[in-house]
Amino acid sequence: MDLQEQMEKLTESQKEKIILQYLKVRSKANDKYKKELKDNPEFIQKNREFAKNYYQKNKEKKFEYYDNNKEKIRLRARYNYYKQRNRLKDYLLKYAEEAHNFMTEEEINEINNPGNIIEELKND
């Protein structure tokens, strides 16, 4: 039985209880970090050492991931560039074939046909 099937069997009250338990545990862990560990030099040194070792062991994995997903990363960066500058219309004009990877048909239609939105607002 996989996780999705198990989640479907739970009632709403059981789901709420699980979420509350999770939030309580996370809250305690955050409080402990803020009060005890954050300024503890021993913890800081240990954490830095762990991070350094992890980086050394997994350095190749990061490069492999980038090489395998180079095209996808480049496309996402291009989309985000136009989105942050509110120039999605220009993005659609230049890269119409890529737009379907990041936008739904409805979003594309809204950008291409802004007159429809104005007419709907007038009707309301």
PDB file of N, CA and C in Angstrom:
ATOM      1  N   MET A   1       0.855  -1.168   0.000  1.00  0.00           N
ATOM      2  CA  MET A   1       0.000   0.000   0.000  1.00  0.00           C
ATOM      3  C   MET A   1       0.909   1.242   0.000  1.00  0.00           C
ATOM      4  N   ASP A   2       0.728   2.093  -0.959  1.00  0.00           N
ATOM      5  CA  ASP A   2       1.583   3.268  -1.040  1.00  0.00           C
ATOM      6  C   ASP A   2       1.002   4.423  -0.220  1.00  0.00           C
ATOM      7  N   LEU A   3       1.747   5.480  -0.145  1.00  0.00           N
ATOM      8  CA  LEU A   3       1.387   6.615   0.697  1.00  0.00           C
ATOM      9  C   LEU A   3       0.075   7.267   0.271  1.00  0.00           C
ATOM     10  N   GLN A   4      -0.139   7.379  -1.030  1.00  0.00           N
ATOM     11  CA  GLN A   4      -1.358   8.016  -1.538  1.00  0.00           C
ATOM     12  C   GLN A   4      -2.603   7.248  -1.090  1.00  0.00           C
ATOM     13  N   GLU A   5      -2.561   5.929  -1.162  1.00  0.00           N
ATOM     14  CA  GLU A   5      -3.706   5.111  -0.737  1.00  0.00           C
ATOM     15  C   GLU A   5      -3.952   5.261   0.763  1.00  0.00           C
ATOM     16  N   GLN A   6      -2.889   5.328   1.534  1.00  0.00           N
ATOM     17  CA  GLN A   6      -3.029   5.490   2.975  1.00  0.00           C
ATOM     18  C   GLN A   6      -3.650   6.841   3.314  1.00  0.00           C
ATOM     19  N   MET A   7      -3.255   7.876   2.593  1.00  0.00           N
ATOM     20  CA  MET A   7      -3.802   9.215   2.841  1.00  0.00           C
ATOM     21  C   MET A   7      -5.288   9.266   2.503  1.00  0.00           C
ATOM     22  N   GLU A   8      -5.697   8.559   1.469  1.00  0.00           N
ATOM     23  CA  GLU A   8      -7.100   8.563   1.075  1.00  0.00           C
ATOM     24  C   GLU A   8      -7.987   7.879   2.104  1.00  0.00           C
ATOM     25  N   LYS A   9      -7.429   6.923   2.838  1.00  0.00           N
ATOM     26  CA  LYS A   9      -8.211   6.189   3.830  1.00  0.00           C
ATOM     27  C   LYS A   9      -8.441   6.998   5.107  1.00  0.00           C
ATOM     28  N   LEU A  10      -7.613   8.021   5.347  1.00  0.00           N
ATOM     29  CA  LEU A  10      -7.742   8.811   6.570  1.00  0.00           C
ATOM     30  C   LEU A  10      -8.943   9.748   6.500  1.00  0.00           C
ATOM     31  N   THR A  11      -9.561   9.953   7.649  1.00  0.00           N
ATOM     32  CA  THR A  11     -10.664  10.919   7.718  1.00  0.00           C
ATOM     33  C   THR A  11     -10.071  12.320   7.862  1.00  0.00           C
ATOM     34  N   GLU A  12     -10.914  13.324   7.725  1.00  0.00           N
ATOM     35  CA  GLU A  12     -10.442  14.711   7.828  1.00  0.00           C
ATOM     36  C   GLU A  12      -9.903  15.001   9.230  1.00  0.00           C
ATOM     37  N   SER A  13     -10.559  14.467  10.253  1.00  0.00           N
ATOM     38  CA  SER A  13     -10.088  14.713  11.621  1.00  0.00           C
ATOM     39  C   SER A  13      -8.718  14.063  11.857  1.00  0.00           C
ATOM     40  N   GLN A  14      -8.493  12.888  11.274  1.00  0.00           N
ATOM     41  CA  GLN A  14      -7.188  12.234  11.404  1.00  0.00           C
ATOM     42  C   GLN A  14      -6.107  13.040  10.689  1.00  0.00           C
ATOM     43  N   LYS A  15      -6.449  13.570   9.530  1.00  0.00           N
ATOM     44  CA  LYS A  15      -5.482  14.388   8.792  1.00  0.00           C
ATOM     45  C   LYS A  15      -5.127  15.645   9.576  1.00  0.00           C
ATOM     46  N   GLU A  16      -6.139  16.285  10.167  1.00  0.00           N
ATOM     47  CA  GLU A  16      -5.898  17.486  10.969  1.00  0.00           C
ATOM     48  C   GLU A  16      -5.011  17.169  12.168  1.00  0.00           C
ATOM     49  N   LYS A  17      -5.257  16.027  12.802  1.00  0.00           N
ATOM     50  CA  LYS A  17      -4.468  15.619  13.955  1.00  0.00           C
ATOM     51  C   LYS A  17      -3.004  15.412  13.565  1.00  0.00           C
ATOM     52  N   ILE A  18      -2.774  14.772  12.426  1.00  0.00           N
ATOM     53  CA  ILE A  18      -1.412  14.541  11.950  1.00  0.00           C
ATOM     54  C   ILE A  18      -0.717  15.869  11.667  1.00  0.00           C
ATOM     55  N   ILE A  19      -1.421  16.777  11.038  1.00  0.00           N
ATOM     56  CA  ILE A  19      -0.836  18.077  10.716  1.00  0.00           C
ATOM     57  C   ILE A  19      -0.500  18.842  11.989  1.00  0.00           C
ATOM     58  N   LEU A  20      -1.404  18.827  12.972  1.00  0.00           N
ATOM     59  CA  LEU A  20      -1.138  19.517  14.238  1.00  0.00           C
ATOM     60  C   LEU A  20       0.067  18.920  14.959  1.00  0.00           C
ATOM     61  N   GLN A  21       0.187  17.588  14.945  1.00  0.00           N
ATOM     62  CA  GLN A  21       1.335  16.936  15.565  1.00  0.00           C
ATOM     63  C   GLN A  21       2.628  17.365  14.868  1.00  0.00           C
ATOM     64  N   TYR A  22       2.601  17.391  13.545  1.00  0.00           N
ATOM     65  CA  TYR A  22       3.772  17.799  12.781  1.00  0.00           C
ATOM     66  C   TYR A  22       4.163  19.237  13.119  1.00  0.00           C
ATOM     67  N   LEU A  23       3.179  20.126  13.164  1.00  0.00           N
ATOM     68  CA  LEU A  23       3.463  21.529  13.466  1.00  0.00           C
ATOM     69  C   LEU A  23       4.028  21.696  14.873  1.00  0.00           C
ATOM     70  N   LYS A  24       3.521  20.910  15.807  1.00  0.00           N
ATOM     71  CA  LYS A  24       4.008  20.977  17.184  1.00  0.00           C
ATOM     72  C   LYS A  24       5.475  20.531  17.260  1.00  0.00           C
ATOM     73  N   VAL A  25       5.804  19.443  16.574  1.00  0.00           N
ATOM     74  CA  VAL A  25       7.175  18.934  16.576  1.00  0.00           C
ATOM     75  C   VAL A  25       8.109  19.954  15.924  1.00  0.00           C
ATOM     76  N   ARG A  26       7.694  20.527  14.797  1.00  0.00           N
ATOM     77  CA  ARG A  26       8.525  21.514  14.101  1.00  0.00           C
ATOM     78  C   ARG A  26       8.722  22.759  14.965  1.00  0.00           C
ATOM     79  N   SER A  27       7.673  23.162  15.654  1.00  0.00           N
ATOM     80  CA  SER A  27       7.756  24.332  16.515  1.00  0.00           C
ATOM     81  C   SER A  27       8.766  24.105  17.643  1.00  0.00           C
ATOM     82  N   LYS A  28       8.727  22.929  18.259  1.00  0.00           N
ATOM     83  CA  LYS A  28       9.676  22.606  19.320  1.00  0.00           C
ATOM     84  C   LYS A  28      11.104  22.590  18.788  1.00  0.00           C
ATOM     85  N   ALA A  29      11.290  22.006  17.607  1.00  0.00           N
ATOM     86  CA  ALA A  29      12.627  21.945  17.021  1.00  0.00           C
ATOM     87  C   ALA A  29      13.143  23.346  16.696  1.00  0.00           C
ATOM     88  N   ASN A  30      12.277  24.201  16.178  1.00  0.00           N
ATOM     89  CA  ASN A  30      12.685  25.573  15.879  1.00  0.00           C
ATOM     90  C   ASN A  30      13.039  26.337  17.150  1.00  0.00           C
ATOM     91  N   ASP A  31      12.240  26.163  18.197  1.00  0.00           N
ATOM     92  CA  ASP A  31      12.517  26.830  19.465  1.00  0.00           C
ATOM     93  C   ASP A  31      13.845  26.366  20.047  1.00  0.00           C
ATOM     94  N   LYS A  32      14.097  25.064  19.987  1.00  0.00           N
ATOM     95  CA  LYS A  32      15.354  24.526  20.508  1.00  0.00           C
ATOM     96  C   LYS A  32      16.533  25.108  19.744  1.00  0.00           C
ATOM     97  N   TYR A  33      16.402  25.188  18.419  1.00  0.00           N
ATOM     98  CA  TYR A  33      17.485  25.750  17.612  1.00  0.00           C
ATOM     99  C   TYR A  33      17.735  27.207  17.989  1.00  0.00           C
ATOM    100  N   LYS A  34      16.648  27.991  18.096  1.00  0.00           N
ATOM    101  CA  LYS A  34      16.796  29.420  18.381  1.00  0.00           C
ATOM    102  C   LYS A  34      17.365  29.677  19.776  1.00  0.00           C
ATOM    103  N   LYS A  35      16.974  28.855  20.763  1.00  0.00           N
ATOM    104  CA  LYS A  35      17.381  29.098  22.141  1.00  0.00           C
ATOM    105  C   LYS A  35      18.727  28.469  22.482  1.00  0.00           C
ATOM    106  N   GLU A  36      18.985  27.250  21.993  1.00  0.00           N
ATOM    107  CA  GLU A  36      20.153  26.505  22.450  1.00  0.00           C
ATOM    108  C   GLU A  36      21.263  26.387  21.400  1.00  0.00           C
ATOM    109  N   LEU A  37      20.893  26.041  20.182  1.00  0.00           N
ATOM    110  CA  LEU A  37      21.909  25.641  19.219  1.00  0.00           C
ATOM    111  C   LEU A  37      22.466  26.766  18.367  1.00  0.00           C
ATOM    112  N   LYS A  38      21.668  27.763  18.100  1.00  0.00           N
ATOM    113  CA  LYS A  38      22.034  28.806  17.139  1.00  0.00           C
ATOM    114  C   LYS A  38      23.375  29.465  17.468  1.00  0.00           C
ATOM    115  N   ASP A  39      23.613  29.777  18.707  1.00  0.00           N
ATOM    116  CA  ASP A  39      24.823  30.484  19.109  1.00  0.00           C
ATOM    117  C   ASP A  39      25.864  29.574  19.764  1.00  0.00           C
ATOM    118  N   ASN A  40      25.639  28.296  19.752  1.00  0.00           N
ATOM    119  CA  ASN A  40      26.552  27.346  20.364  1.00  0.00           C
ATOM    120  C   ASN A  40      27.731  27.090  19.417  1.00  0.00           C
ATOM    121  N   PRO A  41      28.958  27.490  19.776  1.00  0.00           N
ATOM    122  CA  PRO A  41      30.102  27.328  18.874  1.00  0.00           C
ATOM    123  C   PRO A  41      30.392  25.870  18.522  1.00  0.00           C
ATOM    124  N   GLU A  42      30.116  24.983  19.451  1.00  0.00           N
ATOM    125  CA  GLU A  42      30.337  23.555  19.194  1.00  0.00           C
ATOM    126  C   GLU A  42      29.392  23.064  18.090  1.00  0.00           C
ATOM    127  N   PHE A  43      28.121  23.465  18.178  1.00  0.00           N
ATOM    128  CA  PHE A  43      27.140  23.080  17.156  1.00  0.00           C
ATOM    129  C   PHE A  43      27.496  23.685  15.798  1.00  0.00           C
ATOM    130  N   ILE A  44      27.912  24.943  15.802  1.00  0.00           N
ATOM    131  CA  ILE A  44      28.264  25.616  14.554  1.00  0.00           C
ATOM    132  C   ILE A  44      29.423  24.892  13.877  1.00  0.00           C
ATOM    133  N   GLN A  45      30.454  24.554  14.648  1.00  0.00           N
ATOM    134  CA  GLN A  45      31.613  23.869  14.089  1.00  0.00           C
ATOM    135  C   GLN A  45      31.231  22.500  13.535  1.00  0.00           C
ATOM    136  N   LYS A  46      30.425  21.770  14.289  1.00  0.00           N
ATOM    137  CA  LYS A  46      29.986  20.444  13.869  1.00  0.00           C
ATOM    138  C   LYS A  46      29.158  20.532  12.578  1.00  0.00           C
ATOM    139  N   ASN A  47      28.281  21.516  12.518  1.00  0.00           N
ATOM    140  CA  ASN A  47      27.424  21.698  11.350  1.00  0.00           C
ATOM    141  C   ASN A  47      28.250  22.056  10.117  1.00  0.00           C
ATOM    142  N   ARG A  48      29.230  22.936  10.284  1.00  0.00           N
ATOM    143  CA  ARG A  48      30.103  23.309   9.167  1.00  0.00           C
ATOM    144  C   ARG A  48      30.893  22.121   8.658  1.00  0.00           C
ATOM    145  N   GLU A  49      31.359  21.315   9.593  1.00  0.00           N
ATOM    146  CA  GLU A  49      32.122  20.118   9.220  1.00  0.00           C
ATOM    147  C   GLU A  49      31.247  19.143   8.432  1.00  0.00           C
ATOM    148  N   PHE A  50      30.029  18.960   8.892  1.00  0.00           N
ATOM    149  CA  PHE A  50      29.098  18.084   8.189  1.00  0.00           C
ATOM    150  C   PHE A  50      28.826  18.595   6.784  1.00  0.00           C
ATOM    151  N   ALA A  51      28.585  19.899   6.659  1.00  0.00           N
ATOM    152  CA  ALA A  51      28.290  20.488   5.357  1.00  0.00           C
ATOM    153  C   ALA A  51      29.478  20.347   4.414  1.00  0.00           C
ATOM    154  N   LYS A  52      30.674  20.563   4.927  1.00  0.00           N
ATOM    155  CA  LYS A  52      31.878  20.457   4.103  1.00  0.00           C
ATOM    156  C   LYS A  52      32.072  19.025   3.609  1.00  0.00           C
ATOM    157  N   ASN A  53      31.887  18.065   4.501  1.00  0.00           N
ATOM    158  CA  ASN A  53      32.019  16.650   4.108  1.00  0.00           C
ATOM    159  C   ASN A  53      30.968  16.263   3.084  1.00  0.00           C
ATOM    160  N   TYR A  54      29.741  16.722   3.294  1.00  0.00           N
ATOM    161  CA  TYR A  54      28.659  16.409   2.356  1.00  0.00           C
ATOM    162  C   TYR A  54      28.973  16.981   0.975  1.00  0.00           C
ATOM    163  N   TYR A  55      29.475  18.203   0.946  1.00  0.00           N
ATOM    164  CA  TYR A  55      29.812  18.838  -0.325  1.00  0.00           C
ATOM    165  C   TYR A  55      30.907  18.054  -1.040  1.00  0.00           C
ATOM    166  N   GLN A  56      31.934  17.654  -0.295  1.00  0.00           N
ATOM    167  CA  GLN A  56      33.039  16.916  -0.908  1.00  0.00           C
ATOM    168  C   GLN A  56      32.586  15.571  -1.468  1.00  0.00           C
ATOM    169  N   LYS A  57      31.685  14.899  -0.747  1.00  0.00           N
ATOM    170  CA  LYS A  57      31.220  13.582  -1.202  1.00  0.00           C
ATOM    171  C   LYS A  57      30.276  13.676  -2.396  1.00  0.00           C
ATOM    172  N   ASN A  58      29.505  14.746  -2.485  1.00  0.00           N
ATOM    173  CA  ASN A  58      28.448  14.835  -3.500  1.00  0.00           C
ATOM    174  C   ASN A  58      28.693  15.906  -4.558  1.00  0.00           C
ATOM    175  N   LYS A  59      29.925  16.343  -4.696  1.00  0.00           N
ATOM    176  CA  LYS A  59      30.248  17.395  -5.652  1.00  0.00           C
ATOM    177  C   LYS A  59      29.890  16.984  -7.076  1.00  0.00           C
ATOM    178  N   GLU A  60      30.187  15.754  -7.432  1.00  0.00           N
ATOM    179  CA  GLU A  60      29.930  15.276  -8.795  1.00  0.00           C
ATOM    180  C   GLU A  60      28.439  15.183  -9.101  1.00  0.00           C
ATOM    181  N   LYS A  61      27.642  14.860  -8.094  1.00  0.00           N
ATOM    182  CA  LYS A  61      26.198  14.734  -8.299  1.00  0.00           C
ATOM    183  C   LYS A  61      25.592  16.057  -8.758  1.00  0.00           C
ATOM    184  N   LYS A  62      26.046  17.161  -8.178  1.00  0.00           N
ATOM    185  CA  LYS A  62      25.524  18.475  -8.538  1.00  0.00           C
ATOM    186  C   LYS A  62      25.861  18.789  -9.998  1.00  0.00           C
ATOM    187  N   PHE A  63      27.089  18.490 -10.399  1.00  0.00           N
ATOM    188  CA  PHE A  63      27.488  18.735 -11.782  1.00  0.00           C
ATOM    189  C   PHE A  63      26.729  17.831 -12.746  1.00  0.00           C
ATOM    190  N   GLU A  64      26.518  16.574 -12.356  1.00  0.00           N
ATOM    191  CA  GLU A  64      25.754  15.647 -13.196  1.00  0.00           C
ATOM    192  C   GLU A  64      24.317  16.127 -13.363  1.00  0.00           C
ATOM    193  N   TYR A  65      23.717  16.578 -12.266  1.00  0.00           N
ATOM    194  CA  TYR A  65      22.342  17.072 -12.341  1.00  0.00           C
ATOM    195  C   TYR A  65      22.267  18.254 -13.300  1.00  0.00           C
ATOM    196  N   TYR A  66      23.214  19.166 -13.187  1.00  0.00           N
ATOM    197  CA  TYR A  66      23.205  20.325 -14.066  1.00  0.00           C
ATOM    198  C   TYR A  66      23.392  19.902 -15.524  1.00  0.00           C
ATOM    199  N   ASP A  67      24.317  19.004 -15.781  1.00  0.00           N
ATOM    200  CA  ASP A  67      24.549  18.555 -17.158  1.00  0.00           C
ATOM    201  C   ASP A  67      23.334  17.848 -17.732  1.00  0.00           C
ATOM    202  N   ASN A  68      22.664  17.042 -16.914  1.00  0.00           N
ATOM    203  CA  ASN A  68      21.492  16.306 -17.394  1.00  0.00           C
ATOM    204  C   ASN A  68      20.290  17.211 -17.627  1.00  0.00           C
ATOM    205  N   ASN A  69      20.196  18.300 -16.869  1.00  0.00           N
ATOM    206  CA  ASN A  69      19.025  19.176 -16.939  1.00  0.00           C
ATOM    207  C   ASN A  69      19.365  20.578 -17.429  1.00  0.00           C
ATOM    208  N   LYS A  70      20.464  20.706 -18.151  1.00  0.00           N
ATOM    209  CA  LYS A  70      20.931  22.017 -18.593  1.00  0.00           C
ATOM    210  C   LYS A  70      19.870  22.764 -19.405  1.00  0.00           C
ATOM    211  N   GLU A  71      19.245  22.076 -20.320  1.00  0.00           N
ATOM    212  CA  GLU A  71      18.246  22.706 -21.185  1.00  0.00           C
ATOM    213  C   GLU A  71      17.036  23.167 -20.376  1.00  0.00           C
ATOM    214  N   LYS A  72      16.564  22.309 -19.488  1.00  0.00           N
ATOM    215  CA  LYS A  72      15.403  22.638 -18.662  1.00  0.00           C
ATOM    216  C   LYS A  72      15.697  23.838 -17.756  1.00  0.00           C
ATOM    217  N   ILE A  73      16.864  23.880 -17.164  1.00  0.00           N
ATOM    218  CA  ILE A  73      17.253  24.985 -16.288  1.00  0.00           C
ATOM    219  C   ILE A  73      17.321  26.281 -17.079  1.00  0.00           C
ATOM    220  N   ARG A  74      17.882  26.227 -18.278  1.00  0.00           N
ATOM    221  CA  ARG A  74      17.998  27.415 -19.120  1.00  0.00           C
ATOM    222  C   ARG A  74      16.624  27.943 -19.509  1.00  0.00           C
ATOM    223  N   LEU A  75      15.707  27.037 -19.861  1.00  0.00           N
ATOM    224  CA  LEU A  75      14.360  27.449 -20.243  1.00  0.00           C
ATOM    225  C   LEU A  75      13.610  28.079 -19.073  1.00  0.00           C
ATOM    226  N   ARG A  76      13.751  27.488 -17.888  1.00  0.00           N
ATOM    227  CA  ARG A  76      13.082  28.024 -16.712  1.00  0.00           C
ATOM    228  C   ARG A  76      13.631  29.405 -16.357  1.00  0.00           C
ATOM    229  N   ALA A  77      14.943  29.584 -16.475  1.00  0.00           N
ATOM    230  CA  ALA A  77      15.554  30.886 -16.177  1.00  0.00           C
ATOM    231  C   ALA A  77      15.057  31.948 -17.156  1.00  0.00           C
ATOM    232  N   ARG A  78      14.930  31.574 -18.413  1.00  0.00           N
ATOM    233  CA  ARG A  78      14.436  32.521 -19.415  1.00  0.00           C
ATOM    234  C   ARG A  78      12.998  32.928 -19.108  1.00  0.00           C
ATOM    235  N   TYR A  79      12.165  31.944 -18.776  1.00  0.00           N
ATOM    236  CA  TYR A  79      10.767  32.226 -18.431  1.00  0.00           C
ATOM    237  C   TYR A  79      10.684  33.156 -17.226  1.00  0.00           C
ATOM    238  N   ASN A  80      11.461  32.856 -16.177  1.00  0.00           N
ATOM    239  CA  ASN A  80      11.433  33.679 -14.966  1.00  0.00           C
ATOM    240  C   ASN A  80      11.928  35.092 -15.234  1.00  0.00           C
ATOM    241  N   TYR A  81      12.891  35.259 -16.133  1.00  0.00           N
ATOM    242  CA  TYR A  81      13.388  36.578 -16.495  1.00  0.00           C
ATOM    243  C   TYR A  81      12.248  37.438 -17.039  1.00  0.00           C
ATOM    244  N   TYR A  82      11.500  36.903 -17.991  1.00  0.00           N
ATOM    245  CA  TYR A  82      10.402  37.663 -18.585  1.00  0.00           C
ATOM    246  C   TYR A  82       9.260  37.871 -17.587  1.00  0.00           C
ATOM    247  N   LYS A  83       9.021  36.879 -16.750  1.00  0.00           N
ATOM    248  CA  LYS A  83       7.930  36.985 -15.779  1.00  0.00           C
ATOM    249  C   LYS A  83       8.216  38.072 -14.743  1.00  0.00           C
ATOM    250  N   GLN A  84       9.440  38.141 -14.253  1.00  0.00           N
ATOM    251  CA  GLN A  84       9.801  39.140 -13.249  1.00  0.00           C
ATOM    252  C   GLN A  84       9.707  40.554 -13.797  1.00  0.00           C
ATOM    253  N   ARG A  85       9.907  40.709 -15.075  1.00  0.00           N
ATOM    254  CA  ARG A  85       9.867  42.032 -15.682  1.00  0.00           C
ATOM    255  C   ARG A  85       8.511  42.357 -16.303  1.00  0.00           C
ATOM    256  N   ASN A  86       7.529  41.495 -16.030  1.00  0.00           N
ATOM    257  CA  ASN A  86       6.167  41.665 -16.560  1.00  0.00           C
ATOM    258  C   ASN A  86       6.165  41.818 -18.077  1.00  0.00           C
ATOM    259  N   ARG A  87       6.939  40.969 -18.735  1.00  0.00           N
ATOM    260  CA  ARG A  87       7.034  40.998 -20.188  1.00  0.00           C
ATOM    261  C   ARG A  87       6.679  39.634 -20.772  1.00  0.00           C
ATOM    262  N   LEU A  88       5.671  38.990 -20.216  1.00  0.00           N
ATOM    263  CA  LEU A  88       5.297  37.663 -20.701  1.00  0.00           C
ATOM    264  C   LEU A  88       4.786  37.701 -22.135  1.00  0.00           C
ATOM    265  N   LYS A  89       4.238  38.826 -22.547  1.00  0.00           N
ATOM    266  CA  LYS A  89       3.778  38.942 -23.937  1.00  0.00           C
ATOM    267  C   LYS A  89       4.971  38.833 -24.886  1.00  0.00           C
ATOM    268  N   ASP A  90       6.077  39.496 -24.549  1.00  0.00           N
ATOM    269  CA  ASP A  90       7.295  39.392 -25.360  1.00  0.00           C
ATOM    270  C   ASP A  90       7.814  37.951 -25.362  1.00  0.00           C
ATOM    271  N   TYR A  91       7.742  37.319 -24.209  1.00  0.00           N
ATOM    272  CA  TYR A  91       8.176  35.914 -24.111  1.00  0.00           C
ATOM    273  C   TYR A  91       7.367  35.032 -25.052  1.00  0.00           C
ATOM    274  N   LEU A  92       6.060  35.250 -25.067  1.00  0.00           N
ATOM    275  CA  LEU A  92       5.201  34.452 -25.941  1.00  0.00           C
ATOM    276  C   LEU A  92       5.510  34.707 -27.415  1.00  0.00           C
ATOM    277  N   LEU A  93       5.834  35.930 -27.750  1.00  0.00           N
ATOM    278  CA  LEU A  93       6.157  36.237 -29.147  1.00  0.00           C
ATOM    279  C   LEU A  93       7.456  35.567 -29.581  1.00  0.00           C
ATOM    280  N   LYS A  94       8.463  35.589 -28.717  1.00  0.00           N
ATOM    281  CA  LYS A  94       9.764  35.031 -29.073  1.00  0.00           C
ATOM    282  C   LYS A  94       9.823  33.511 -28.939  1.00  0.00           C
ATOM    283  N   TYR A  95       9.207  32.994 -27.899  1.00  0.00           N
ATOM    284  CA  TYR A  95       9.371  31.574 -27.564  1.00  0.00           C
ATOM    285  C   TYR A  95       8.027  30.887 -27.389  1.00  0.00           C
ATOM    286  N   ALA A  96       7.199  30.942 -28.394  1.00  0.00           N
ATOM    287  CA  ALA A  96       5.848  30.380 -28.299  1.00  0.00           C
ATOM    288  C   ALA A  96       5.878  28.868 -28.061  1.00  0.00           C
ATOM    289  N   GLU A  97       6.838  28.176 -28.657  1.00  0.00           N
ATOM    290  CA  GLU A  97       6.885  26.717 -28.502  1.00  0.00           C
ATOM    291  C   GLU A  97       7.301  26.291 -27.098  1.00  0.00           C
ATOM    292  N   GLU A  98       8.071  27.135 -26.399  1.00  0.00           N
ATOM    293  CA  GLU A  98       8.488  26.815 -25.033  1.00  0.00           C
ATOM    294  C   GLU A  98       7.416  27.159 -24.002  1.00  0.00           C
ATOM    295  N   ALA A  99       6.547  28.080 -24.337  1.00  0.00           N
ATOM    296  CA  ALA A  99       5.587  28.615 -23.371  1.00  0.00           C
ATOM    297  C   ALA A  99       4.715  27.536 -22.754  1.00  0.00           C
ATOM    298  N   HIS A 100       4.436  26.490 -23.489  1.00  0.00           N
ATOM    299  CA  HIS A 100       3.556  25.433 -22.982  1.00  0.00           C
ATOM    300  C   HIS A 100       4.205  24.637 -21.854  1.00  0.00           C
ATOM    301  N   ASN A 101       5.529  24.733 -21.702  1.00  0.00           N
ATOM    302  CA  ASN A 101       6.205  24.042 -20.604  1.00  0.00           C
ATOM    303  C   ASN A 101       5.942  24.708 -19.260  1.00  0.00           C
ATOM    304  N   PHE A 102       5.693  26.027 -19.278  1.00  0.00           N
ATOM    305  CA  PHE A 102       5.599  26.773 -18.025  1.00  0.00           C
ATOM    306  C   PHE A 102       4.249  27.439 -17.807  1.00  0.00           C
ATOM    307  N   MET A 103       3.422  27.501 -18.840  1.00  0.00           N
ATOM    308  CA  MET A 103       2.155  28.212 -18.724  1.00  0.00           C
ATOM    309  C   MET A 103       1.014  27.318 -19.210  1.00  0.00           C
ATOM    310  N   THR A 104      -0.159  27.534 -18.636  1.00  0.00           N
ATOM    311  CA  THR A 104      -1.334  26.805 -19.087  1.00  0.00           C
ATOM    312  C   THR A 104      -1.913  27.504 -20.313  1.00  0.00           C
ATOM    313  N   GLU A 105      -2.797  26.810 -20.990  1.00  0.00           N
ATOM    314  CA  GLU A 105      -3.454  27.395 -22.165  1.00  0.00           C
ATOM    315  C   GLU A 105      -4.236  28.655 -21.789  1.00  0.00           C
ATOM    316  N   GLU A 106      -4.866  28.631 -20.622  1.00  0.00           N
ATOM    317  CA  GLU A 106      -5.649  29.785 -20.173  1.00  0.00           C
ATOM    318  C   GLU A 106      -4.766  31.014 -19.981  1.00  0.00           C
ATOM    319  N   GLU A 107      -3.594  30.819 -19.361  1.00  0.00           N
ATOM    320  CA  GLU A 107      -2.679  31.945 -19.158  1.00  0.00           C
ATOM    321  C   GLU A 107      -2.200  32.513 -20.491  1.00  0.00           C
ATOM    322  N   ILE A 108      -1.889  31.629 -21.412  1.00  0.00           N
ATOM    323  CA  ILE A 108      -1.424  32.069 -22.729  1.00  0.00           C
ATOM    324  C   ILE A 108      -2.525  32.854 -23.438  1.00  0.00           C
ATOM    325  N   ASN A 109      -3.745  32.345 -23.379  1.00  0.00           N
ATOM    326  CA  ASN A 109      -4.863  33.037 -24.022  1.00  0.00           C
ATOM    327  C   ASN A 109      -5.131  34.396 -23.383  1.00  0.00           C
ATOM    328  N   GLU A 110      -5.012  34.499 -22.060  1.00  0.00           N
ATOM    329  CA  GLU A 110      -5.232  35.775 -21.380  1.00  0.00           C
ATOM    330  C   GLU A 110      -4.201  36.813 -21.799  1.00  0.00           C
ATOM    331  N   ILE A 111      -2.963  36.378 -21.980  1.00  0.00           N
ATOM    332  CA  ILE A 111      -1.912  37.312 -22.384  1.00  0.00           C
ATOM    333  C   ILE A 111      -2.096  37.721 -23.848  1.00  0.00           C
ATOM    334  N   ASN A 112      -2.432  36.760 -24.697  1.00  0.00           N
ATOM    335  CA  ASN A 112      -2.596  37.054 -26.125  1.00  0.00           C
ATOM    336  C   ASN A 112      -3.856  37.851 -26.417  1.00  0.00           C
ATOM    337  N   ASN A 113      -4.901  37.683 -25.617  1.00  0.00           N
ATOM    338  CA  ASN A 113      -6.173  38.366 -25.852  1.00  0.00           C
ATOM    339  C   ASN A 113      -6.603  39.164 -24.626  1.00  0.00           C
ATOM    340  N   PRO A 114      -5.921  40.255 -24.317  1.00  0.00           N
ATOM    341  CA  PRO A 114      -6.284  41.014 -23.117  1.00  0.00           C
ATOM    342  C   PRO A 114      -7.635  41.698 -23.247  1.00  0.00           C
ATOM    343  N   GLY A 115      -8.133  41.902 -24.467  1.00  0.00           N
ATOM    344  CA  GLY A 115      -9.429  42.540 -24.684  1.00  0.00           C
ATOM    345  C   GLY A 115     -10.553  41.741 -24.069  1.00  0.00           C
ATOM    346  N   ASN A 116     -10.433  40.434 -24.035  1.00  0.00           N
ATOM    347  CA  ASN A 116     -11.473  39.583 -23.449  1.00  0.00           C
ATOM    348  C   ASN A 116     -11.654  39.885 -21.961  1.00  0.00           C
ATOM    349  N   ILE A 117     -10.573  40.115 -21.269  1.00  0.00           N
ATOM    350  CA  ILE A 117     -10.645  40.385 -19.836  1.00  0.00           C
ATOM    351  C   ILE A 117     -11.353  41.724 -19.602  1.00  0.00           C
ATOM    352  N   ILE A 118     -11.003  42.727 -20.391  1.00  0.00           N
ATOM    353  CA  ILE A 118     -11.600  44.052 -20.247  1.00  0.00           C
ATOM    354  C   ILE A 118     -13.106  43.975 -20.522  1.00  0.00           C
ATOM    355  N   GLU A 119     -13.484  43.241 -21.559  1.00  0.00           N
ATOM    356  CA  GLU A 119     -14.908  43.095 -21.890  1.00  0.00           C
ATOM    357  C   GLU A 119     -15.667  42.376 -20.766  1.00  0.00           C
ATOM    358  N   GLU A 120     -15.042  41.366 -20.167  1.00  0.00           N
ATOM    359  CA  GLU A 120     -15.692  40.654 -19.074  1.00  0.00           C
ATOM    360  C   GLU A 120     -15.894  41.577 -17.873  1.00  0.00           C
ATOM    361  N   LEU A 121     -14.901  42.421 -17.595  1.00  0.00           N
ATOM    362  CA  LEU A 121     -15.035  43.353 -16.482  1.00  0.00           C
ATOM    363  C   LEU A 121     -16.133  44.378 -16.742  1.00  0.00           C
ATOM    364  N   LYS A 122     -16.255  44.817 -17.990  1.00  0.00           N
ATOM    365  CA  LYS A 122     -17.317  45.777 -18.343  1.00  0.00           C
ATOM    366  C   LYS A 122     -18.689  45.135 -18.165  1.00  0.00           C
ATOM    367  N   ASN A 123     -18.814  43.864 -18.534  1.00  0.00           N
ATOM    368  CA  ASN A 123     -20.104  43.166 -18.410  1.00  0.00           C
ATOM    369  C   ASN A 123     -20.509  42.981 -16.955  1.00  0.00           C
ATOM    370  N   ASP A 124     -19.534  42.826 -16.075  1.00  0.00           N
ATOM    371  CA  ASP A 124     -19.857  42.647 -14.656  1.00  0.00           C
ATOM    372  C   ASP A 124     -20.289  43.964 -14.081  1.00  0.00           C
TER     373      ASP A 124
END
